[in-house]
């Protein structure tokens, strides 16, 4: 977009269109169809395409029976809720948290409890306080470049939560779709590396390859995965083998690391761009997170801004925002703004922040 006459969409966290390796995926599809077409286009194993499961197991230090393939995180969250939860069971999530997880857990009848989020991850004292009212079945977290805030949980806090999981006997649902997309700083080891027997690790190829292929994976404790595999089989017989075969061929060729580096080089300037734009236009008027990777920066409006009126009228300023309320278990997100930055170039982001500033000034009092 050069003239920015269209509405600028700060809504969905989509990968950039130019980031999609369409030609390579097409080549991989043709090759795997020639070699494995009679397998991929037939009924298959209820846990997904075997070679890709084995590739994931090998790369994550897991046993094959610990790995199940499916249509990315939302499906696995639904599976785990169905297998593990009874109506009224407590589930802890970050506050704010991924909105679709909140919806999925509430739909399963869970009592969803928010744990306050700080600049370096969950507030451990708040976590301990909420535990006094009852232990959750599991704690859902996006520990790296969190959706929606972009915050990464520190190693110190991961260790503290892992100790609480051991002590109280709850499981950790670690959703890690952005973990590979670190543009600055040092990687933090996962919860799964700390307490593998207490962690269901969810990841996908949506952000590092393509969301349209709908291929994700879950790695869980061996003693619990048998029931998850059975649930998968009884739900849809097996997931989509065709796209799993394409992903396998892509990974088998060793293309994934190079693509991740390409994504980092594409997205790093976009993160710099939105942070610089926020500093130029909104310094002193709002606060925001400063992620080192991922897809999102989040803005916190002061109480002097009517957040609801701003969001209801953003079309007047040529922008569109996600509804902040959806990221909070209690719906109190009027002053919260999630800002995806990866699918826009820095010039479009700059214009979007300039328009957002006008809206903030209009609804300040």
Foldseek 3Di string as FASTA:
>chain_A
DPPLPFFAEQADLAFAPVLAPVVLLVVLLVVLCVVQVVPQVDQDALQADQLLLVVVCVVVVHDSLQKGKAQFDLVVLLLCLVQQHDAAAEEEEAFQADLSSLVSNVVSNYDYHHFYADQQGGDLVSVVVVCVVHDHQEYEFAQALGVFAGHHHALVVLLSVLVVCVVVVHAYEHEHAWQLFFLDDDHHDDNCVVPVQRYWYKYACCHQHNSVLRMIMIGHHNVPSVSSSVSSCVPPNHHNHSSSSSVSSCVVVVNRVVSSVVLSVQCVVQLVLLVVLCCVQPVVQWDKHRHRGDFKIKIFGDPQFQLVVLQVPLVVLSYHFDQQLSSGSVSPGSRMTIGTGNNDDSVSSSSVSVSSSVSRVVRGD
